[in-house]
Amino acid sequence: MTRLLEIRTYRLKPGTLAAFHEAMHTRAVPMLRSKGMDVVAYGKSDHEEETYYLVRAYANRQALEAEQAAFYGSAEWREGPRSALVDRIETYLNTLLWASDETVASMRSLNPG
């Protein structure tokens, strides 16, 4: 079986990586997971100082769109960790690709989070 992976990479504003990670790790990722989103991996990117990644898995494109619309449209997100994250982002990029369950499991096991 395959899963649709969304790989989101963030270029953060200078000096904000530690605070971004804290908000992501303690607030956003637990909230995403509590809403049923499959967070596969997240953390500081190895290639540049102020970059970060978030990898999520979905059954298909329709599931991605429905889950994200429900989450990002919620008051819990808007009134919760949103500003702690969004205010620290300079730019971001999303990439979608299909991956096997084995690939997803491997990514999950290697995540330093």
PDB file of N, CA and C in Angstrom:
ATOM      1  N   MET A   1       0.831  -1.183   0.000  1.00  0.00           N
ATOM      2  CA  MET A   1       0.000   0.000   0.000  1.00  0.00           C
ATOM      3  C   MET A   1       0.879   1.252   0.000  1.00  0.00           C
ATOM      4  N   THR A   2       0.374   2.320  -0.555  1.00  0.00           N
ATOM      5  CA  THR A   2       1.135   3.565  -0.579  1.00  0.00           C
ATOM      6  C   THR A   2       0.394   4.661   0.174  1.00  0.00           C
ATOM      7  N   ARG A   3       1.149   5.641   0.576  1.00  0.00           N
ATOM      8  CA  ARG A   3       0.614   6.799   1.281  1.00  0.00           C
ATOM      9  C   ARG A   3       1.100   8.055   0.564  1.00  0.00           C
ATOM     10  N   LEU A   4       0.300   9.090   0.597  1.00  0.00           N
ATOM     11  CA  LEU A   4       0.694  10.381   0.040  1.00  0.00           C
ATOM     12  C   LEU A   4       1.431  11.148   1.129  1.00  0.00           C
ATOM     13  N   LEU A   5       2.689  11.442   0.871  1.00  0.00           N
ATOM     14  CA  LEU A   5       3.486  12.212   1.821  1.00  0.00           C
ATOM     15  C   LEU A   5       3.463  13.678   1.440  1.00  0.00           C
ATOM     16  N   GLU A   6       3.269  14.503   2.429  1.00  0.00           N
ATOM     17  CA  GLU A   6       3.453  15.941   2.272  1.00  0.00           C
ATOM     18  C   GLU A   6       4.723  16.281   3.033  1.00  0.00           C
ATOM     19  N   ILE A   7       5.696  16.819   2.319  1.00  0.00           N
ATOM     20  CA  ILE A   7       6.936  17.270   2.947  1.00  0.00           C
ATOM     21  C   ILE A   7       6.913  18.783   2.911  1.00  0.00           C
ATOM     22  N   ARG A   8       6.834  19.377   4.083  1.00  0.00           N
ATOM     23  CA  ARG A   8       6.788  20.833   4.186  1.00  0.00           C
ATOM     24  C   ARG A   8       8.114  21.288   4.774  1.00  0.00           C
ATOM     25  N   THR A   9       8.785  22.185   4.085  1.00  0.00           N
ATOM     26  CA  THR A   9      10.039  22.732   4.584  1.00  0.00           C
ATOM     27  C   THR A   9       9.852  24.222   4.852  1.00  0.00           C
ATOM     28  N   TYR A  10      10.436  24.658   5.929  1.00  0.00           N
ATOM     29  CA  TYR A  10      10.313  26.044   6.372  1.00  0.00           C
ATOM     30  C   TYR A  10      11.684  26.702   6.408  1.00  0.00           C
ATOM     31  N   ARG A  11      11.776  27.911   5.896  1.00  0.00           N
ATOM     32  CA  ARG A  11      12.945  28.762   6.147  1.00  0.00           C
ATOM     33  C   ARG A  11      12.477  29.722   7.222  1.00  0.00           C
ATOM     34  N   LEU A  12      13.154  29.673   8.355  1.00  0.00           N
ATOM     35  CA  LEU A  12      12.743  30.460   9.507  1.00  0.00           C
ATOM     36  C   LEU A  12      13.486  31.791   9.569  1.00  0.00           C
ATOM     37  N   LYS A  13      12.881  32.732  10.240  1.00  0.00           N
ATOM     38  CA  LYS A  13      13.538  34.019  10.466  1.00  0.00           C
ATOM     39  C   LYS A  13      14.753  33.782  11.359  1.00  0.00           C
ATOM     40  N   PRO A  14      15.815  34.560  11.158  1.00  0.00           N
ATOM     41  CA  PRO A  14      17.039  34.356  11.942  1.00  0.00           C
ATOM     42  C   PRO A  14      16.769  34.364  13.448  1.00  0.00           C
ATOM     43  N   GLY A  15      17.388  33.412  14.128  1.00  0.00           N
ATOM     44  CA  GLY A  15      17.322  33.345  15.578  1.00  0.00           C
ATOM     45  C   GLY A  15      16.045  32.760  16.156  1.00  0.00           C
ATOM     46  N   THR A  16      15.195  32.172  15.321  1.00  0.00           N
ATOM     47  CA  THR A  16      13.901  31.689  15.822  1.00  0.00           C
ATOM     48  C   THR A  16      13.782  30.165  15.877  1.00  0.00           C
ATOM     49  N   LEU A  17      14.814  29.454  15.484  1.00  0.00           N
ATOM     50  CA  LEU A  17      14.719  27.991  15.386  1.00  0.00           C
ATOM     51  C   LEU A  17      14.334  27.332  16.711  1.00  0.00           C
ATOM     52  N   ALA A  18      14.981  27.684  17.800  1.00  0.00           N
ATOM     53  CA  ALA A  18      14.703  27.029  19.086  1.00  0.00           C
ATOM     54  C   ALA A  18      13.254  27.251  19.523  1.00  0.00           C
ATOM     55  N   ALA A  19      12.772  28.463  19.408  1.00  0.00           N
ATOM     56  CA  ALA A  19      11.394  28.765  19.805  1.00  0.00           C
ATOM     57  C   ALA A  19      10.399  28.085  18.862  1.00  0.00           C
ATOM     58  N   PHE A  20      10.714  28.036  17.567  1.00  0.00           N
ATOM     59  CA  PHE A  20       9.848  27.351  16.606  1.00  0.00           C
ATOM     60  C   PHE A  20       9.754  25.872  16.956  1.00  0.00           C
ATOM     61  N   HIS A  21      10.895  25.235  17.204  1.00  0.00           N
ATOM     62  CA  HIS A  21      10.891  23.812  17.541  1.00  0.00           C
ATOM     63  C   HIS A  21      10.102  23.564  18.828  1.00  0.00           C
ATOM     64  N   GLU A  22      10.281  24.390  19.820  1.00  0.00           N
ATOM     65  CA  GLU A  22       9.555  24.228  21.081  1.00  0.00           C
ATOM     66  C   GLU A  22       8.046  24.276  20.843  1.00  0.00           C
ATOM     67  N   ALA A  23       7.578  25.248  20.065  1.00  0.00           N
ATOM     68  CA  ALA A  23       6.143  25.374  19.765  1.00  0.00           C
ATOM     69  C   ALA A  23       5.658  24.192  18.929  1.00  0.00           C
ATOM     70  N   MET A  24       6.471  23.748  17.992  1.00  0.00           N
ATOM     71  CA  MET A  24       6.091  22.617  17.151  1.00  0.00           C
ATOM     72  C   MET A  24       6.027  21.336  17.988  1.00  0.00           C
ATOM     73  N   HIS A  25       7.064  21.096  18.772  1.00  0.00           N
ATOM     74  CA  HIS A  25       7.182  19.846  19.528  1.00  0.00           C
ATOM     75  C   HIS A  25       6.170  19.738  20.671  1.00  0.00           C
ATOM     76  N   THR A  26       5.954  20.814  21.391  1.00  0.00           N
ATOM     77  CA  THR A  26       5.105  20.737  22.582  1.00  0.00           C
ATOM     78  C   THR A  26       3.650  21.094  22.325  1.00  0.00           C
ATOM     79  N   ARG A  27       3.379  21.826  21.243  1.00  0.00           N
ATOM     80  CA  ARG A  27       2.007  22.276  21.022  1.00  0.00           C
ATOM     81  C   ARG A  27       1.418  21.809  19.696  1.00  0.00           C
ATOM     82  N   ALA A  28       2.076  22.117  18.589  1.00  0.00           N
ATOM     83  CA  ALA A  28       1.478  21.860  17.274  1.00  0.00           C
ATOM     84  C   ALA A  28       1.407  20.371  16.936  1.00  0.00           C
ATOM     85  N   VAL A  29       2.505  19.647  17.084  1.00  0.00           N
ATOM     86  CA  VAL A  29       2.502  18.224  16.723  1.00  0.00           C
ATOM     87  C   VAL A  29       1.526  17.435  17.598  1.00  0.00           C
ATOM     88  N   PRO A  30       1.514  17.632  18.914  1.00  0.00           N
ATOM     89  CA  PRO A  30       0.495  16.929  19.700  1.00  0.00           C
ATOM     90  C   PRO A  30      -0.937  17.285  19.265  1.00  0.00           C
ATOM     91  N   MET A  31      -1.177  18.528  18.895  1.00  0.00           N
ATOM     92  CA  MET A  31      -2.497  18.932  18.437  1.00  0.00           C
ATOM     93  C   MET A  31      -2.830  18.269  17.099  1.00  0.00           C
ATOM     94  N   LEU A  32      -1.878  18.259  16.164  1.00  0.00           N
ATOM     95  CA  LEU A  32      -2.093  17.587  14.880  1.00  0.00           C
ATOM     96  C   LEU A  32      -2.449  16.119  15.102  1.00  0.00           C
ATOM     97  N   ARG A  33      -1.682  15.447  15.933  1.00  0.00           N
ATOM     98  CA  ARG A  33      -1.915  14.029  16.192  1.00  0.00           C
ATOM     99  C   ARG A  33      -3.249  13.794  16.889  1.00  0.00           C
ATOM    100  N   SER A  34      -3.632  14.692  17.789  1.00  0.00           N
ATOM    101  CA  SER A  34      -4.910  14.521  18.489  1.00  0.00           C
ATOM    102  C   SER A  34      -6.094  14.667  17.536  1.00  0.00           C
ATOM    103  N   LYS A  35      -5.881  15.325  16.401  1.00  0.00           N
ATOM    104  CA  LYS A  35      -6.928  15.487  15.392  1.00  0.00           C
ATOM    105  C   LYS A  35      -6.874  14.392  14.333  1.00  0.00           C
ATOM    106  N   GLY A  36      -5.997  13.409  14.534  1.00  0.00           N
ATOM    107  CA  GLY A  36      -5.929  12.262  13.637  1.00  0.00           C
ATOM    108  C   GLY A  36      -4.954  12.396  12.482  1.00  0.00           C
ATOM    109  N   MET A  37      -4.173  13.476  12.428  1.00  0.00           N
ATOM    110  CA  MET A  37      -3.185  13.608  11.352  1.00  0.00           C
ATOM    111  C   MET A  37      -1.984  12.725  11.663  1.00  0.00           C
ATOM    112  N   ASP A  38      -1.453  12.100  10.614  1.00  0.00           N
ATOM    113  CA  ASP A  38      -0.300  11.223  10.756  1.00  0.00           C
ATOM    114  C   ASP A  38       0.979  12.021  10.545  1.00  0.00           C
ATOM    115  N   VAL A  39       1.564  12.489  11.636  1.00  0.00           N
ATOM    116  CA  VAL A  39       2.845  13.198  11.586  1.00  0.00           C
ATOM    117  C   VAL A  39       3.935  12.135  11.584  1.00  0.00           C
ATOM    118  N   VAL A  40       4.621  12.032  10.468  1.00  0.00           N
ATOM    119  CA  VAL A  40       5.640  11.002  10.284  1.00  0.00           C
ATOM    120  C   VAL A  40       6.970  11.439  10.877  1.00  0.00           C
ATOM    121  N   ALA A  41       7.360  12.678  10.613  1.00  0.00           N
ATOM    122  CA  ALA A  41       8.660  13.181  11.051  1.00  0.00           C
ATOM    123  C   ALA A  41       8.626  14.702  11.078  1.00  0.00           C
ATOM    124  N   TYR A  42       9.476  15.282  11.921  1.00  0.00           N
ATOM    125  CA  TYR A  42       9.627  16.735  11.978  1.00  0.00           C
ATOM    126  C   TYR A  42      10.919  17.057  12.700  1.00  0.00           C
ATOM    127  N   GLY A  43      11.458  18.224  12.436  1.00  0.00           N
ATOM    128  CA  GLY A  43      12.665  18.646  13.138  1.00  0.00           C
ATOM    129  C   GLY A  43      13.510  19.600  12.322  1.00  0.00           C
ATOM    130  N   LYS A  44      14.671  19.908  12.885  1.00  0.00           N
ATOM    131  CA  LYS A  44      15.622  20.801  12.228  1.00  0.00           C
ATOM    132  C   LYS A  44      16.200  20.095  11.016  1.00  0.00           C
ATOM    133  N   SER A  45      16.247  20.800   9.928  1.00  0.00           N
ATOM    134  CA  SER A  45      16.831  20.263   8.716  1.00  0.00           C
ATOM    135  C   SER A  45      18.356  20.277   8.836  1.00  0.00           C
ATOM    136  N   ASP A  46      19.014  19.304   8.268  1.00  0.00           N
ATOM    137  CA  ASP A  46      20.473  19.203   8.388  1.00  0.00           C
ATOM    138  C   ASP A  46      21.251  20.129   7.467  1.00  0.00           C
ATOM    139  N   HIS A  47      20.618  20.667   6.444  1.00  0.00           N
ATOM    140  CA  HIS A  47      21.395  21.353   5.420  1.00  0.00           C
ATOM    141  C   HIS A  47      21.591  22.848   5.640  1.00  0.00           C
ATOM    142  N   GLU A  48      20.753  23.514   6.410  1.00  0.00           N
ATOM    143  CA  GLU A  48      20.917  24.945   6.663  1.00  0.00           C
ATOM    144  C   GLU A  48      20.510  25.245   8.095  1.00  0.00           C
ATOM    145  N   GLU A  49      21.084  26.278   8.660  1.00  0.00           N
ATOM    146  CA  GLU A  49      20.868  26.593  10.073  1.00  0.00           C
ATOM    147  C   GLU A  49      19.417  26.892  10.426  1.00  0.00           C
ATOM    148  N   GLU A  50      18.745  27.690   9.647  1.00  0.00           N
ATOM    149  CA  GLU A  50      17.393  28.136  10.004  1.00  0.00           C
ATOM    150  C   GLU A  50      16.318  27.444   9.169  1.00  0.00           C
ATOM    151  N   THR A  51      16.444  26.133   8.965  1.00  0.00           N
ATOM    152  CA  THR A  51      15.425  25.398   8.217  1.00  0.00           C
ATOM    153  C   THR A  51      14.859  24.272   9.067  1.00  0.00           C
ATOM    154  N   TYR A  52      13.621  23.909   8.759  1.00  0.00           N
ATOM    155  CA  TYR A  52      12.872  22.948   9.548  1.00  0.00           C
ATOM    156  C   TYR A  52      11.975  22.172   8.598  1.00  0.00           C
ATOM    157  N   TYR A  53      11.572  20.969   8.991  1.00  0.00           N
ATOM    158  CA  TYR A  53      10.691  20.183   8.129  1.00  0.00           C
ATOM    159  C   TYR A  53       9.567  19.550   8.939  1.00  0.00           C
ATOM    160  N   LEU A  54       8.481  19.262   8.232  1.00  0.00           N
ATOM    161  CA  LEU A  54       7.334  18.545   8.780  1.00  0.00           C
ATOM    162  C   LEU A  54       6.866  17.589   7.690  1.00  0.00           C
ATOM    163  N   VAL A  55       6.776  16.303   8.010  1.00  0.00           N
ATOM    164  CA  VAL A  55       6.330  15.289   7.054  1.00  0.00           C
ATOM    165  C   VAL A  55       5.056  14.654   7.607  1.00  0.00           C
ATOM    166  N   ARG A  56       4.001  14.678   6.789  1.00  0.00           N
ATOM    167  CA  ARG A  56       2.732  14.057   7.166  1.00  0.00           C
ATOM    168  C   ARG A  56       2.312  13.086   6.078  1.00  0.00           C
ATOM    169  N   ALA A  57       1.588  12.029   6.472  1.00  0.00           N
ATOM    170  CA  ALA A  57       1.120  11.013   5.526  1.00  0.00           C
ATOM    171  C   ALA A  57      -0.403  11.026   5.477  1.00  0.00           C
ATOM    172  N   TYR A  58      -0.927  10.812   4.263  1.00  0.00           N
ATOM    173  CA  TYR A  58      -2.372  10.810   4.023  1.00  0.00           C
ATOM    174  C   TYR A  58      -2.736   9.645   3.115  1.00  0.00           C
ATOM    175  N   ALA A  59      -3.987   9.245   3.170  1.00  0.00           N
ATOM    176  CA  ALA A  59      -4.472   8.180   2.300  1.00  0.00           C
ATOM    177  C   ALA A  59      -4.474   8.617   0.844  1.00  0.00           C
ATOM    178  N   ASN A  60      -4.816   9.877   0.586  1.00  0.00           N
ATOM    179  CA  ASN A  60      -4.888  10.417  -0.774  1.00  0.00           C
ATOM    180  C   ASN A  60      -5.004  11.937  -0.718  1.00  0.00           C
ATOM    181  N   ARG A  61      -5.092  12.558  -1.880  1.00  0.00           N
ATOM    182  CA  ARG A  61      -5.143  14.017  -1.950  1.00  0.00           C
ATOM    183  C   ARG A  61      -6.409  14.583  -1.302  1.00  0.00           C
ATOM    184  N   GLN A  62      -7.524  13.892  -1.460  1.00  0.00           N
ATOM    185  CA  GLN A  62      -8.781  14.352  -0.862  1.00  0.00           C
ATOM    186  C   GLN A  62      -8.691  14.336   0.664  1.00  0.00           C
ATOM    187  N   ALA A  63      -8.066  13.313   1.217  1.00  0.00           N
ATOM    188  CA  ALA A  63      -7.890  13.237   2.670  1.00  0.00           C
ATOM    189  C   ALA A  63      -6.997  14.374   3.154  1.00  0.00           C
ATOM    190  N   LEU A  64      -5.924  14.643   2.427  1.00  0.00           N
ATOM    191  CA  LEU A  64      -5.037  15.751   2.781  1.00  0.00           C
ATOM    192  C   LEU A  64      -5.823  17.055   2.841  1.00  0.00           C
ATOM    193  N   GLU A  65      -6.572  17.333   1.801  1.00  0.00           N
ATOM    194  CA  GLU A  65      -7.311  18.591   1.728  1.00  0.00           C
ATOM    195  C   GLU A  65      -8.363  18.693   2.823  1.00  0.00           C
ATOM    196  N   ALA A  66      -9.082  17.620   3.085  1.00  0.00           N
ATOM    197  CA  ALA A  66     -10.128  17.638   4.114  1.00  0.00           C
ATOM    198  C   ALA A  66      -9.543  17.783   5.515  1.00  0.00           C
ATOM    199  N   GLU A  67      -8.515  17.009   5.812  1.00  0.00           N
ATOM    200  CA  GLU A  67      -7.898  17.064   7.141  1.00  0.00           C
ATOM    201  C   GLU A  67      -7.266  18.420   7.408  1.00  0.00           C
ATOM    202  N   GLN A  68      -6.559  18.966   6.411  1.00  0.00           N
ATOM    203  CA  GLN A  68      -5.922  20.255   6.624  1.00  0.00           C
ATOM    204  C   GLN A  68      -6.936  21.389   6.708  1.00  0.00           C
ATOM    205  N   ALA A  69      -8.000  21.343   5.913  1.00  0.00           N
ATOM    206  CA  ALA A  69      -9.029  22.379   5.987  1.00  0.00           C
ATOM    207  C   ALA A  69      -9.674  22.381   7.370  1.00  0.00           C
ATOM    208  N   ALA A  70      -9.979  21.205   7.889  1.00  0.00           N
ATOM    209  CA  ALA A  70     -10.592  21.111   9.216  1.00  0.00           C
ATOM    210  C   ALA A  70      -9.638  21.605  10.298  1.00  0.00           C
ATOM    211  N   PHE A  71      -8.373  21.219  10.201  1.00  0.00           N
ATOM    212  CA  PHE A  71      -7.406  21.605  11.230  1.00  0.00           C
ATOM    213  C   PHE A  71      -7.100  23.098  11.183  1.00  0.00           C
ATOM    214  N   TYR A  72      -6.675  23.583  10.013  1.00  0.00           N
ATOM    215  CA  TYR A  72      -6.244  24.979   9.920  1.00  0.00           C
ATOM    216  C   TYR A  72      -7.402  25.972  10.007  1.00  0.00           C
ATOM    217  N   GLY A  73      -8.622  25.498   9.816  1.00  0.00           N
ATOM    218  CA  GLY A  73      -9.787  26.352   9.978  1.00  0.00           C
ATOM    219  C   GLY A  73     -10.336  26.375  11.394  1.00  0.00           C
ATOM    220  N   SER A  74      -9.757  25.585  12.280  1.00  0.00           N
ATOM    221  CA  SER A  74     -10.286  25.465  13.642  1.00  0.00           C
ATOM    222  C   SER A  74      -9.844  26.627  14.534  1.00  0.00           C
ATOM    223  N   ALA A  75     -10.703  26.970  15.457  1.00  0.00           N
ATOM    224  CA  ALA A  75     -10.377  27.993  16.453  1.00  0.00           C
ATOM    225  C   ALA A  75      -9.230  27.525  17.339  1.00  0.00           C
ATOM    226  N   GLU A  76      -9.181  26.228  17.620  1.00  0.00           N
ATOM    227  CA  GLU A  76      -8.104  25.685  18.460  1.00  0.00           C
ATOM    228  C   GLU A  76      -6.728  25.992  17.867  1.00  0.00           C
ATOM    229  N   TRP A  77      -6.584  25.862  16.546  1.00  0.00           N
ATOM    230  CA  TRP A  77      -5.327  26.186  15.870  1.00  0.00           C
ATOM    231  C   TRP A  77      -5.098  27.690  15.843  1.00  0.00           C
ATOM    232  N   ARG A  78      -6.104  28.431  15.388  1.00  0.00           N
ATOM    233  CA  ARG A  78      -5.955  29.883  15.235  1.00  0.00           C
ATOM    234  C   ARG A  78      -5.669  30.576  16.561  1.00  0.00           C
ATOM    235  N   GLU A  79      -6.290  30.104  17.624  1.00  0.00           N
ATOM    236  CA  GLU A  79      -6.106  30.721  18.937  1.00  0.00           C
ATOM    237  C   GLU A  79      -5.013  30.034  19.754  1.00  0.00           C
ATOM    238  N   GLY A  80      -4.474  28.964  19.221  1.00  0.00           N
ATOM    239  CA  GLY A  80      -3.444  28.199  19.917  1.00  0.00           C
ATOM    240  C   GLY A  80      -2.049  28.510  19.398  1.00  0.00           C
ATOM    241  N   PRO A  81      -1.343  27.488  18.885  1.00  0.00           N
ATOM    242  CA  PRO A  81       0.065  27.669  18.523  1.00  0.00           C
ATOM    243  C   PRO A  81       0.317  28.373  17.186  1.00  0.00           C
ATOM    244  N   ARG A  82      -0.719  28.748  16.464  1.00  0.00           N
ATOM    245  CA  ARG A  82      -0.540  29.328  15.126  1.00  0.00           C
ATOM    246  C   ARG A  82       0.474  30.473  15.108  1.00  0.00           C
ATOM    247  N   SER A  83       0.259  31.495  15.920  1.00  0.00           N
ATOM    248  CA  SER A  83       1.139  32.668  15.852  1.00  0.00           C
ATOM    249  C   SER A  83       2.559  32.340  16.307  1.00  0.00           C
ATOM    250  N   ALA A  84       2.716  31.404  17.258  1.00  0.00           N
ATOM    251  CA  ALA A  84       4.058  31.015  17.711  1.00  0.00           C
ATOM    252  C   ALA A  84       4.868  30.386  16.591  1.00  0.00           C
ATOM    253  N   LEU A  85       4.179  29.838  15.594  1.00  0.00           N
ATOM    254  CA  LEU A  85       4.852  29.232  14.451  1.00  0.00           C
ATOM    255  C   LEU A  85       4.894  30.179  13.257  1.00  0.00           C
ATOM    256  N   VAL A  86       3.757  30.634  12.833  1.00  0.00           N
ATOM    257  CA  VAL A  86       3.660  31.454  11.612  1.00  0.00           C
ATOM    258  C   VAL A  86       4.511  32.712  11.708  1.00  0.00           C
ATOM    259  N   ASP A  87       4.565  33.334  12.864  1.00  0.00           N
ATOM    260  CA  ASP A  87       5.340  34.563  13.028  1.00  0.00           C
ATOM    261  C   ASP A  87       6.839  34.351  12.871  1.00  0.00           C
ATOM    262  N   ARG A  88       7.288  33.115  12.938  1.00  0.00           N
ATOM    263  CA  ARG A  88       8.722  32.808  12.823  1.00  0.00           C
ATOM    264  C   ARG A  88       9.115  32.290  11.435  1.00  0.00           C
ATOM    265  N   ILE A  89       8.145  32.126  10.548  1.00  0.00           N
ATOM    266  CA  ILE A  89       8.413  31.579   9.217  1.00  0.00           C
ATOM    267  C   ILE A  89       8.684  32.693   8.225  1.00  0.00           C
ATOM    268  N   GLU A  90       9.810  32.575   7.533  1.00  0.00           N
ATOM    269  CA  GLU A  90      10.126  33.502   6.446  1.00  0.00           C
ATOM    270  C   GLU A  90       9.438  33.033   5.163  1.00  0.00           C
ATOM    271  N   THR A  91       9.643  31.764   4.800  1.00  0.00           N
ATOM    272  CA  THR A  91       8.987  31.150   3.646  1.00  0.00           C
ATOM    273  C   THR A  91       8.811  29.664   3.926  1.00  0.00           C
ATOM    274  N   TYR A  92       7.938  29.021   3.133  1.00  0.00           N
ATOM    275  CA  TYR A  92       7.825  27.571   3.220  1.00  0.00           C
ATOM    276  C   TYR A  92       7.469  27.007   1.858  1.00  0.00           C
ATOM    277  N   LEU A  93       7.704  25.704   1.711  1.00  0.00           N
ATOM    278  CA  LEU A  93       7.455  25.005   0.455  1.00  0.00           C
ATOM    279  C   LEU A  93       6.879  23.636   0.775  1.00  0.00           C
ATOM    280  N   ASN A  94       5.850  23.240   0.043  1.00  0.00           N
ATOM    281  CA  ASN A  94       5.259  21.907   0.173  1.00  0.00           C
ATOM    282  C   ASN A  94       5.614  21.065  -1.043  1.00  0.00           C
ATOM    283  N   THR A  95       5.872  19.795  -0.799  1.00  0.00           N
ATOM    284  CA  THR A  95       6.070  18.825  -1.868  1.00  0.00           C
ATOM    285  C   THR A  95       5.231  17.604  -1.536  1.00  0.00           C
ATOM    286  N   LEU A  96       4.527  17.076  -2.537  1.00  0.00           N
ATOM    287  CA  LEU A  96       3.730  15.872  -2.359  1.00  0.00           C
ATOM    288  C   LEU A  96       4.347  14.746  -3.162  1.00  0.00           C
ATOM    289  N   LEU A  97       4.428  13.550  -2.562  1.00  0.00           N
ATOM    290  CA  LEU A  97       4.919  12.381  -3.280  1.00  0.00           C
ATOM    291  C   LEU A  97       4.337  11.127  -2.652  1.00  0.00           C
ATOM    292  N   TRP A  98       4.212  10.101  -3.477  1.00  0.00           N
ATOM    293  CA  TRP A  98       3.699   8.821  -3.008  1.00  0.00           C
ATOM    294  C   TRP A  98       4.860   7.982  -2.498  1.00  0.00           C
ATOM    295  N   ALA A  99       4.621   7.271  -1.381  1.00  0.00           N
ATOM    296  CA  ALA A  99       5.658   6.420  -0.801  1.00  0.00           C
ATOM    297  C   ALA A  99       5.012   5.154  -0.245  1.00  0.00           C
ATOM    298  N   SER A 100       5.793   4.091  -0.224  1.00  0.00           N
ATOM    299  CA  SER A 100       5.306   2.821   0.317  1.00  0.00           C
ATOM    300  C   SER A 100       5.166   2.909   1.835  1.00  0.00           C
ATOM    301  N   ASP A 101       4.372   2.013   2.385  1.00  0.00           N
ATOM    302  CA  ASP A 101       4.238   1.938   3.838  1.00  0.00           C
ATOM    303  C   ASP A 101       5.594   1.691   4.497  1.00  0.00           C
ATOM    304  N   GLU A 102       6.437   0.910   3.841  1.00  0.00           N
ATOM    305  CA  GLU A 102       7.768   0.624   4.381  1.00  0.00           C
ATOM    306  C   GLU A 102       8.615   1.888   4.454  1.00  0.00           C
ATOM    307  N   THR A 103       8.528   2.717   3.439  1.00  0.00           N
ATOM    308  CA  THR A 103       9.271   3.978   3.431  1.00  0.00           C
ATOM    309  C   THR A 103       8.782   4.886   4.548  1.00  0.00           C
ATOM    310  N   VAL A 104       7.468   4.972   4.704  1.00  0.00           N
ATOM    311  CA  VAL A 104       6.890   5.802   5.764  1.00  0.00           C
ATOM    312  C   VAL A 104       7.349   5.290   7.134  1.00  0.00           C
ATOM    313  N   ALA A 105       7.317   3.991   7.341  1.00  0.00           N
ATOM    314  CA  ALA A 105       7.748   3.401   8.612  1.00  0.00           C
ATOM    315  C   ALA A 105       9.219   3.692   8.882  1.00  0.00           C
ATOM    316  N   SER A 106      10.045   3.620   7.844  1.00  0.00           N
ATOM    317  CA  SER A 106      11.469   3.910   7.994  1.00  0.00           C
ATOM    318  C   SER A 106      11.693   5.376   8.384  1.00  0.00           C
ATOM    319  N   MET A 107      10.991   6.259   7.724  1.00  0.00           N
ATOM    320  CA  MET A 107      11.105   7.696   8.054  1.00  0.00           C
ATOM    321  C   MET A 107      10.671   7.939   9.492  1.00  0.00           C
ATOM    322  N   ARG A 108       9.617   7.305   9.887  1.00  0.00           N
ATOM    323  CA  ARG A 108       9.086   7.476  11.251  1.00  0.00           C
ATOM    324  C   ARG A 108      10.111   7.018  12.298  1.00  0.00           C
ATOM    325  N   SER A 109      10.779   5.889  12.034  1.00  0.00           N
ATOM    326  CA  SER A 109      11.716   5.341  13.017  1.00  0.00           C
ATOM    327  C   SER A 109      12.991   6.155  13.134  1.00  0.00           C
ATOM    328  N   LEU A 110      13.338   6.901  12.100  1.00  0.00           N
ATOM    329  CA  LEU A 110      14.575   7.694  12.111  1.00  0.00           C
ATOM    330  C   LEU A 110      14.363   9.126  12.595  1.00  0.00           C
ATOM    331  N   ASN A 111      13.116   9.510  12.831  1.00  0.00           N
ATOM    332  CA  ASN A 111      12.824  10.898  13.179  1.00  0.00           C
ATOM    333  C   ASN A 111      13.384  11.273  14.537  1.00  0.00           C
ATOM    334  N   PRO A 112      14.227  12.312  14.582  1.00  0.00           N
ATOM    335  CA  PRO A 112      14.742  12.763  15.885  1.00  0.00           C
ATOM    336  C   PRO A 112      13.719  13.591  16.652  1.00  0.00           C
ATOM    337  N   GLY A 113      12.692  14.150  15.907  1.00  0.00           N
ATOM    338  CA  GLY A 113      11.635  14.932  16.545  1.00  0.00           C
ATOM    339  C   GLY A 113      12.178  15.926  17.450  1.00  0.00           C
TER     340      GLY A 113
END
